Each structure stands twice: as structure tokens, then as C-alpha cells.
C-alpha atoms as a PDB file:
ATOM      1  CA  MET A   1      55.131  78.969  59.002  1.00  0.00           C
ATOM      2  CA  ALA A   2      58.427  77.171  59.303  1.00  0.00           C
ATOM      3  CA  SER A   3      59.967  76.742  62.533  1.00  0.00           C
ATOM      4  CA  PRO A   4      63.378  78.761  63.522  1.00  0.00           C
ATOM      5  CA  ILE A   5      65.144  75.541  64.103  1.00  0.00           C
ATOM      6  CA  ASP A   6      65.819  73.352  61.207  1.00  0.00           C
ATOM      7  CA  ALA A   7      65.577  69.857  62.353  1.00  0.00           C
ATOM      8  CA  SER A   8      68.916  68.573  60.817  1.00  0.00           C
ATOM      9  CA  MET A   9      70.253  70.766  63.264  1.00  0.00           C
ATOM     10  CA  LYS A  10      70.921  68.572  65.598  1.00  0.00           C
ATOM     11  CA  VAL A  11      72.934  70.584  68.802  1.00  0.00           C
ATOM     12  CA  THR A  12      74.927  67.867  70.745  1.00  0.00           C
ATOM     13  CA  PRO A  13      76.297  68.726  74.245  1.00  0.00           C
ATOM     14  CA  VAL A  14      79.699  69.625  74.760  1.00  0.00           C
ATOM     15  CA  ASN A  15      82.722  67.669  76.067  1.00  0.00           C
ATOM     16  CA  ILE A  16      83.847  68.612  79.514  1.00  0.00           C
ATOM     17  CA  VAL A  17      87.215  67.047  78.461  1.00  0.00           C
ATOM     18  CA  ASP A  18      87.179  69.935  75.226  1.00  0.00           C
ATOM     19  CA  THR A  19      85.987  72.666  77.634  1.00  0.00           C
ATOM     20  CA  ILE A  20      88.445  72.177  80.144  1.00  0.00           C
ATOM     21  CA  SER A  21      90.884  72.144  77.549  1.00  0.00           C
ATOM     22  CA  VAL A  22      89.714  75.459  76.199  1.00  0.00           C
ATOM     23  CA  ILE A  23      89.920  76.910  79.061  1.00  0.00           C
ATOM     24  CA  GLY A  24      93.546  75.688  79.931  1.00  0.00           C
ATOM     25  CA  GLU A  25      95.032  77.123  76.777  1.00  0.00           C
ATOM     26  CA  ILE A  26      93.123  80.716  77.777  1.00  0.00           C
ATOM     27  CA  LEU A  27      94.676  80.450  80.774  1.00  0.00           C
ATOM     28  CA  ALA A  28      98.143  79.225  79.113  1.00  0.00           C
ATOM     29  CA  TRP A  29      98.914  82.169  77.004  1.00  0.00           C
ATOM     30  CA  ILE A  30      97.556  85.234  79.140  1.00  0.00           C
ATOM     31  CA  GLY A  31      99.846  83.292  82.595  1.00  0.00           C
ATOM     32  CA  LEU A  32     102.960  82.267  80.284  1.00  0.00           C
ATOM     33  CA  GLY A  33     102.560  86.269  78.490  1.00  0.00           C
ATOM     34  CA  LEU A  34     101.672  88.027  81.544  1.00  0.00           C
ATOM     35  CA  GLY A  35     104.121  85.973  83.616  1.00  0.00           C
ATOM     36  CA  LEU A  36     106.700  86.323  81.036  1.00  0.00           C
ATOM     37  CA  LEU A  37     106.069  89.879  81.078  1.00  0.00           C
ATOM     38  CA  CYS A  38     106.580  89.930  85.253  1.00  0.00           C
ATOM     39  CA  LEU A  39     109.348  88.477  85.286  1.00  0.00           C
ATOM     40  CA  LEU A  40     111.257  90.496  83.086  1.00  0.00           C
ATOM     41  CA  LEU A  41     110.382  93.479  85.369  1.00  0.00           C
ATOM     42  CA  ALA A  42     111.638  91.628  87.964  1.00  0.00           C
ATOM     43  CA  GLN A  43     114.777  91.428  86.625  1.00  0.00           C
ATOM     44  CA  ARG A  44     115.088  94.551  85.686  1.00  0.00           C
ATOM     45  CA  GLN A  45     114.127  96.263  89.251  1.00  0.00           C
ATOM     46  CA  LYS A  46     116.592  93.359  90.888  1.00  0.00           C
ATOM     47  CA  LYS A  47     119.650  94.982  88.133  1.00  0.00           C
ATOM     48  CA  MET A  48     117.912  98.478  89.703  1.00  0.00           C
ATOM     49  CA  LYS A  49     118.770  97.412  92.899  1.00  0.00           C
ATOM     50  CA  ALA A  50     122.623  96.098  92.295  1.00  0.00           C
ATOM     51  CA  GLY A  51     123.210  99.841  91.232  1.00  0.00           C
ATOM     52  CA  THR A  52     122.007 101.298  94.750  1.00  0.00           C
ATOM     53  CA  GLU A  53     123.082 101.546  98.446  1.00  0.00           C
ATOM     54  CA  TYR A  54     122.403 103.233 101.277  1.00  0.00           C
ATOM     55  CA  LEU A  55     123.797 106.470 103.257  1.00  0.00           C
ATOM     56  CA  ASP A  56     123.282 108.695 105.865  1.00  0.00           C
ATOM     57  CA  ALA A  57     121.867 111.827 104.597  1.00  0.00           C
ATOM     58  CA  PHE A  58     121.384 115.479 106.617  1.00  0.00           C
ATOM     59  CA  VAL A  59     118.562 118.021 105.922  1.00  0.00           C
ATOM     60  CA  PHE A  60     118.226 121.022 106.510  1.00  0.00           C
ATOM     61  CA  THR A  61     116.718 124.223 105.997  1.00  0.00           C
ATOM     62  CA  GLU A  62     118.809 127.439 105.236  1.00  0.00           C
ATOM     63  CA  GLU A  63     116.472 130.546 103.924  1.00  0.00           C
ATOM     64  CA  ASN A  64     113.805 129.250 103.438  1.00  0.00           C
ATOM     65  CA  GLN A  65     115.733 126.019 100.804  1.00  0.00           C
ATOM     66  CA  THR A  66     115.566 123.045 102.506  1.00  0.00           C
ATOM     67  CA  SER A  67     118.055 120.904 101.374  1.00  0.00           C
ATOM     68  CA  ILE A  68     120.086 117.550 101.635  1.00  0.00           C
ATOM     69  CA  ARG A  69     123.224 116.909 102.237  1.00  0.00           C
ATOM     70  CA  TRP A  70     125.210 113.092 102.466  1.00  0.00           C
ATOM     71  CA  MET A  71     128.840 112.129 102.039  1.00  0.00           C
ATOM     72  CA  ALA A  72     129.598 109.309 100.102  1.00  0.00           C
ATOM     73  CA  PRO A  73     132.922 107.794  99.241  1.00  0.00           C
ATOM     74  CA  ASP A  74     133.582 110.223  96.319  1.00  0.00           C
ATOM     75  CA  GLY A  75     133.472 113.067  98.582  1.00  0.00           C
ATOM     76  CA  MET A  76     130.256 115.218  99.710  1.00  0.00           C
ATOM     77  CA  HIS A  77     127.312 115.974  98.104  1.00  0.00           C
ATOM     78  CA  GLU A  78     124.437 118.673  98.365  1.00  0.00           C
ATOM     79  CA  ARG A  79     121.284 119.355  96.700  1.00  0.00           C
ATOM     80  CA  GLN A  80     117.912 121.245  97.117  1.00  0.00           C
ATOM     81  CA  LEU A  81     114.672 119.184  97.945  1.00  0.00           C
ATOM     82  CA  THR A  82     111.899 119.279  95.126  1.00  0.00           C
ATOM     83  CA  TYR A  83     108.253 120.078  96.905  1.00  0.00           C
ATOM     84  CA  THR A  84     107.751 116.195  96.723  1.00  0.00           C
ATOM     85  CA  GLU A  85     110.376 115.286  98.546  1.00  0.00           C
ATOM     86  CA  ARG A  86     110.308 118.085 101.138  1.00  0.00           C
ATOM     87  CA  ARG A  87     107.357 116.627 101.884  1.00  0.00           C
ATOM     88  CA  SER A  88     108.027 112.740 102.808  1.00  0.00           C
ATOM     89  CA  MET A  89     111.636 113.966 104.352  1.00  0.00           C
ATOM     90  CA  GLU A  90     111.787 115.535 107.899  1.00  0.00           C
ATOM     91  CA  CYS A  91     115.034 117.710 109.084  1.00  0.00           C
ATOM     92  CA  GLY A  92     117.335 115.892 110.643  1.00  0.00           C
ATOM     93  CA  TRP A  93     119.256 112.559 109.946  1.00  0.00           C
ATOM     94  CA  GLN A  94     117.498 110.094 107.257  1.00  0.00           C
ATOM     95  CA  THR A  95     119.103 106.767 105.836  1.00  0.00           C
ATOM     96  CA  VAL A  96     118.967 107.726 101.735  1.00  0.00           C
ATOM     97  CA  LEU A  97     119.174 105.348  98.543  1.00  0.00           C
ATOM     98  CA  VAL A  98     121.875 106.493  96.198  1.00  0.00           C
ATOM     99  CA  ASP A  99     123.381 105.444  92.366  1.00  0.00           C
ATOM    100  CA  SER A 100     126.359 103.650  93.324  1.00  0.00           C
ATOM    101  CA  LYS A 101     128.121 104.039  90.937  1.00  0.00           C
ATOM    102  CA  THR A 102     128.260 108.155  90.711  1.00  0.00           C
ATOM    103  CA  HIS A 103     126.745 108.499  94.399  1.00  0.00           C
ATOM    104  CA  SER A 104     125.356 112.234  92.940  1.00  0.00           C
ATOM    105  CA  ARG A 105     121.813 111.384  91.990  1.00  0.00           C
ATOM    106  CA  LEU A 106     119.216 110.205  94.552  1.00  0.00           C
ATOM    107  CA  VAL A 107     116.759 107.196  94.008  1.00  0.00           C
ATOM    108  CA  ARG A 108     113.693 108.440  94.703  1.00  0.00           C
ATOM    109  CA  HIS A 109     111.781 105.027  95.752  1.00  0.00           C
ATOM    110  CA  ASP A 110     113.482 101.923  97.003  1.00  0.00           C
ATOM    111  CA  PRO A 111     113.341  98.991  93.751  1.00  0.00           C
ATOM    112  CA  GLN A 112     113.550  96.475  96.219  1.00  0.00           C
ATOM    113  CA  GLU A 113     109.452  96.949  96.602  1.00  0.00           C
ATOM    114  CA  SER A 114     108.229  96.569  93.506  1.00  0.00           C
ATOM    115  CA  LEU A 115     110.740  93.906  92.700  1.00  0.00           C
ATOM    116  CA  GLU A 116     108.782  91.700  95.528  1.00  0.00           C
ATOM    117  CA  ILE A 117     105.509  92.358  93.776  1.00  0.00           C
ATOM    118  CA  PHE A 118     106.892  91.533  90.360  1.00  0.00           C
ATOM    119  CA  SER A 119     108.843  88.611  91.640  1.00  0.00           C
ATOM    120  CA  VAL A 120     105.884  87.556  93.202  1.00  0.00           C
ATOM    121  CA  LEU A 121     103.203  87.879  90.293  1.00  0.00           C
ATOM    122  CA  ALA A 122     106.014  86.247  88.179  1.00  0.00           C
ATOM    123  CA  LYS A 123     105.491  82.921  89.719  1.00  0.00           C
ATOM    124  CA  PHE A 124     101.867  83.388  90.312  1.00  0.00           C
ATOM    125  CA  LEU A 125     101.148  83.798  86.874  1.00  0.00           C
ATOM    126  CA  LEU A 126     103.895  81.221  84.996  1.00  0.00           C
ATOM    127  CA  GLY A 127     102.507  78.383  87.105  1.00  0.00           C
ATOM    128  CA  ALA A 128      98.877  79.634  86.586  1.00  0.00           C
ATOM    129  CA  GLY A 129     100.114  79.574  82.684  1.00  0.00           C
ATOM    130  CA  VAL A 130     101.845  75.545  82.844  1.00  0.00           C
ATOM    131  CA  LEU A 131      98.991  74.548  84.733  1.00  0.00           C
ATOM    132  CA  GLY A 132      96.890  75.699  81.859  1.00  0.00           C
ATOM    133  CA  PHE A 133      99.384  74.621  79.015  1.00  0.00           C
ATOM    134  CA  ALA A 134      98.752  71.138  80.887  1.00  0.00           C
ATOM    135  CA  LEU A 135      94.969  70.984  81.266  1.00  0.00           C
ATOM    136  CA  SER A 136      95.145  72.356  77.079  1.00  0.00           C
ATOM    137  CA  TRP A 137      96.961  68.642  76.289  1.00  0.00           C
ATOM    138  CA  LEU A 138      93.527  67.102  77.990  1.00  0.00           C
ATOM    139  CA  SER A 139      91.998  66.569  74.684  1.00  0.00           C
ATOM    140  CA  ILE A 140      94.258  64.602  73.126  1.00  0.00           C
ATOM    141  CA  PHE A 141      94.354  61.923  76.072  1.00  0.00           C
ATOM    142  CA  ASP A 142      90.963  61.666  75.450  1.00  0.00           C
END
């Protein structure tokens, strides 16, 4: 019975430099790809943050309806709160984030939080991508 491994097939050990080079190549593609995506998202959040401003608003309940009223440079604005907004805001004075162009639209989430997350992720992933790119060139100098 013949052996499943042919005698003419020789197993050669893998060069450690080639292994590091392949791992670096994979790290470069993933790090640079995701890092650029996070960088674009961070720039979007930065632009979104520039279009908002903080104003003081008053939350009040009247006839089983919870409303919010705020004074902006273009006048007084008022609207009813949604169910989720009612759960997160108490009656009284609040600091709210509004659209700086129209002042009539409340911004639900502060873009600063996600801006910081995307900025840190972008720096980390782009650094890993650059390191991987440098490691992928090791096999050329071997």
C-alpha cells in the first residue's frame, strides 16, 4: 500500500520573516481600511458638532403634556417632548443642544461623545495599519 505522502514532496519550514510579512500585510489592510473609515466618521461628527450650540430650556407639564420651551437668538421655540425625551428630562431648567442654523430643532445626542470615540479608534487603527505596512516590507530586505 502506498503512503499518502509522496516521497518527492518535501516539507520546507516557513521563514519567520515571511510569516511576519504576511501578518503585517493583513494588519495593514485591516488597519488602514477601518482607520480611514473611522477618520471619515470622526470628520462627519466634527462637522455636526460645529452646527450645534447649547441653550437653556425649560421643561414643564401642562394638561398631561410635557413640553419644552427655549429662547434662541431668533425667538422663542416650544414643542412637546417625545416619550423617550420625557423619560430622560425632568421638569425645570435644562441645558439642551440645538441646531445653530435654525435654533428650532433639538439635537438628541451630543456629537462630542462619538467624535472622541471615532478619533481614538482612527488613531489606533491607522497606527496599526502603518505598522503592518512597515512589517509587510520585511520580506523584501531578507
